[in-house]
N, C-alpha and C. Protein backbone atom coordinates (compact mmCIF):
# COMPACT_ATOMS: atom_id res chain seq x y z
N MET A 1 0.83 -1.20 0.00
CA MET A 1 0.00 0.00 0.00
C MET A 1 0.87 1.25 0.00
N ILE A 2 1.87 1.31 0.89
CA ILE A 2 2.74 2.48 0.97
C ILE A 2 3.59 2.58 -0.30
N LYS A 3 4.00 1.43 -0.83
CA LYS A 3 4.83 1.42 -2.04
C LYS A 3 4.03 1.97 -3.22
N LYS A 4 2.75 1.61 -3.32
CA LYS A 4 1.91 2.12 -4.40
C LYS A 4 1.70 3.62 -4.27
N ALA A 5 1.52 4.08 -3.04
CA ALA A 5 1.33 5.52 -2.83
C ALA A 5 2.61 6.27 -3.17
N GLY A 6 3.76 5.70 -2.85
CA GLY A 6 5.04 6.33 -3.18
C GLY A 6 5.25 6.43 -4.68
N ILE A 7 4.92 5.36 -5.38
CA ILE A 7 5.05 5.36 -6.84
C ILE A 7 4.11 6.39 -7.45
N PHE A 8 2.89 6.45 -6.98
CA PHE A 8 1.92 7.41 -7.48
C PHE A 8 2.40 8.84 -7.23
N THR A 9 2.93 9.12 -6.05
CA THR A 9 3.43 10.44 -5.73
C THR A 9 4.61 10.81 -6.64
N PHE A 10 5.52 9.88 -6.85
CA PHE A 10 6.66 10.12 -7.73
C PHE A 10 6.20 10.44 -9.14
N LEU A 11 5.27 9.66 -9.68
CA LEU A 11 4.76 9.91 -11.03
C LEU A 11 4.03 11.24 -11.11
N LEU A 12 3.33 11.61 -10.06
CA LEU A 12 2.63 12.89 -10.03
C LEU A 12 3.62 14.05 -10.10
N PHE A 13 4.71 13.97 -9.34
CA PHE A 13 5.72 15.03 -9.37
C PHE A 13 6.44 15.09 -10.72
N VAL A 14 6.74 13.93 -11.31
CA VAL A 14 7.40 13.91 -12.62
C VAL A 14 6.50 14.55 -13.66
N THR A 15 5.22 14.25 -13.62
CA THR A 15 4.27 14.84 -14.56
C THR A 15 4.17 16.34 -14.37
N ALA A 16 4.13 16.80 -13.11
CA ALA A 16 4.04 18.23 -12.84
C ALA A 16 5.27 18.97 -13.34
N VAL A 17 6.45 18.39 -13.16
CA VAL A 17 7.68 19.02 -13.64
C VAL A 17 7.70 19.06 -15.16
N ALA A 18 7.27 18.00 -15.81
CA ALA A 18 7.27 17.95 -17.26
C ALA A 18 6.30 18.96 -17.84
N MET A 19 5.16 19.17 -17.20
CA MET A 19 4.17 20.11 -17.70
C MET A 19 4.55 21.56 -17.40
N ALA A 20 5.42 21.79 -16.42
CA ALA A 20 5.79 23.13 -16.03
C ALA A 20 6.89 23.72 -16.89
N GLN A 21 7.48 22.95 -17.78
CA GLN A 21 8.56 23.45 -18.63
C GLN A 21 8.01 24.36 -19.72
N ALA A 22 8.78 25.38 -20.06
CA ALA A 22 8.38 26.29 -21.13
C ALA A 22 8.63 25.62 -22.48
N PRO A 23 7.77 25.87 -23.45
CA PRO A 23 7.99 25.30 -24.78
C PRO A 23 9.28 25.86 -25.38
N SER A 24 10.01 25.02 -26.14
CA SER A 24 11.31 25.42 -26.65
C SER A 24 11.23 26.29 -27.90
N GLY A 25 10.17 26.24 -28.67
CA GLY A 25 10.09 26.98 -29.92
C GLY A 25 9.49 28.36 -29.80
N ILE A 26 9.04 28.74 -28.63
CA ILE A 26 8.35 30.01 -28.45
C ILE A 26 9.24 30.94 -27.62
N PRO A 27 9.47 32.18 -28.08
CA PRO A 27 10.27 33.10 -27.26
C PRO A 27 9.51 33.48 -25.99
N THR A 28 10.20 33.44 -24.86
CA THR A 28 9.52 33.69 -23.59
C THR A 28 9.54 35.16 -23.20
N GLY A 29 10.52 35.94 -23.65
CA GLY A 29 10.60 37.34 -23.29
C GLY A 29 11.22 37.51 -21.92
N THR A 30 11.40 38.74 -21.52
CA THR A 30 11.99 39.01 -20.21
C THR A 30 10.88 39.43 -19.25
N PRO A 31 10.79 38.81 -18.12
CA PRO A 31 9.75 39.19 -17.16
C PRO A 31 10.07 40.55 -16.54
N GLU A 32 9.07 41.36 -16.39
CA GLU A 32 9.24 42.68 -15.80
C GLU A 32 8.67 42.68 -14.39
N PRO A 33 9.26 43.44 -13.48
CA PRO A 33 8.72 43.49 -12.12
C PRO A 33 7.37 44.18 -12.09
N LEU A 34 6.63 43.88 -11.07
CA LEU A 34 5.30 44.45 -10.90
C LEU A 34 5.40 45.92 -10.51
N GLU A 35 4.64 46.76 -11.18
CA GLU A 35 4.64 48.17 -10.84
C GLU A 35 3.88 48.36 -9.53
N LEU A 36 4.40 49.20 -8.67
CA LEU A 36 3.76 49.43 -7.37
C LEU A 36 2.76 50.58 -7.44
N THR A 37 1.66 50.33 -8.15
CA THR A 37 0.56 51.29 -8.15
C THR A 37 -0.37 50.93 -7.01
N LEU A 38 -1.27 51.82 -6.68
CA LEU A 38 -2.19 51.58 -5.56
C LEU A 38 -3.05 50.34 -5.80
N THR A 39 -3.51 50.16 -7.02
CA THR A 39 -4.34 48.99 -7.34
C THR A 39 -3.56 47.69 -7.16
N ASN A 40 -2.33 47.65 -7.66
CA ASN A 40 -1.51 46.44 -7.54
C ASN A 40 -1.17 46.14 -6.09
N ILE A 41 -0.90 47.16 -5.30
CA ILE A 41 -0.61 46.95 -3.88
C ILE A 41 -1.82 46.36 -3.17
N ILE A 42 -3.00 46.87 -3.47
CA ILE A 42 -4.21 46.37 -2.82
C ILE A 42 -4.49 44.94 -3.26
N VAL A 43 -4.41 44.66 -4.55
CA VAL A 43 -4.78 43.34 -5.08
C VAL A 43 -3.76 42.27 -4.71
N TYR A 44 -2.47 42.57 -4.79
CA TYR A 44 -1.45 41.53 -4.63
C TYR A 44 -0.83 41.47 -3.24
N ILE A 45 -1.02 42.48 -2.41
CA ILE A 45 -0.42 42.46 -1.08
C ILE A 45 -1.49 42.51 0.01
N VAL A 46 -2.35 43.51 -0.02
CA VAL A 46 -3.30 43.73 1.07
C VAL A 46 -4.37 42.64 1.11
N LEU A 47 -5.00 42.35 -0.02
CA LEU A 47 -6.08 41.36 -0.03
C LEU A 47 -5.62 39.96 0.39
N PRO A 48 -4.49 39.45 -0.11
CA PRO A 48 -4.05 38.13 0.37
C PRO A 48 -3.75 38.11 1.87
N VAL A 49 -3.17 39.18 2.39
CA VAL A 49 -2.89 39.24 3.83
C VAL A 49 -4.20 39.24 4.62
N ILE A 50 -5.19 39.99 4.17
CA ILE A 50 -6.49 40.01 4.84
C ILE A 50 -7.15 38.64 4.79
N ILE A 51 -7.06 37.97 3.65
CA ILE A 51 -7.67 36.64 3.52
C ILE A 51 -7.01 35.65 4.47
N VAL A 52 -5.69 35.69 4.58
CA VAL A 52 -4.98 34.78 5.50
C VAL A 52 -5.36 35.08 6.94
N ILE A 53 -5.43 36.34 7.31
CA ILE A 53 -5.82 36.71 8.68
C ILE A 53 -7.24 36.25 8.98
N LEU A 54 -8.17 36.47 8.06
CA LEU A 54 -9.55 36.04 8.27
C LEU A 54 -9.65 34.52 8.36
N TYR A 55 -8.86 33.80 7.57
CA TYR A 55 -8.88 32.34 7.63
C TYR A 55 -8.38 31.85 8.98
N ILE A 56 -7.29 32.44 9.48
CA ILE A 56 -6.76 32.05 10.78
C ILE A 56 -7.77 32.36 11.88
N TYR A 57 -8.40 33.52 11.81
CA TYR A 57 -9.42 33.89 12.80
C TYR A 57 -10.60 32.91 12.74
N TRP A 58 -11.03 32.55 11.53
CA TRP A 58 -12.16 31.64 11.36
C TRP A 58 -11.84 30.26 11.92
N ARG A 59 -10.59 29.77 11.67
CA ARG A 59 -10.20 28.45 12.20
C ARG A 59 -10.16 28.43 13.72
N ARG A 60 -9.63 29.51 14.33
CA ARG A 60 -9.56 29.57 15.78
C ARG A 60 -10.96 29.65 16.39
N LYS A 61 -11.83 30.40 15.75
CA LYS A 61 -13.21 30.53 16.24
C LYS A 61 -13.95 29.21 16.10
N ARG A 62 -13.68 28.47 15.06
CA ARG A 62 -14.35 27.20 14.81
C ARG A 62 -13.91 26.12 15.80
N ARG A 63 -12.65 26.18 16.27
CA ARG A 63 -12.16 25.19 17.24
C ARG A 63 -12.84 25.33 18.59
N LYS A 64 -13.20 26.53 18.95
CA LYS A 64 -13.82 26.75 20.28
C LYS A 64 -15.24 26.35 20.26
């Protein structure tokens, strides 16, 4: 049972790595850093932090 689960996990990781590779015939370009505008700060920094805090609060409240 454990051996089958190990083999399945290994194959899952190999598949994920193979699918995550960039295609070789397409130019990828150079990634640019995120501009720090007010909208980007709210969407990419503030909202995820609020969601994590609310999740932690919800889990603690649910345990009691």
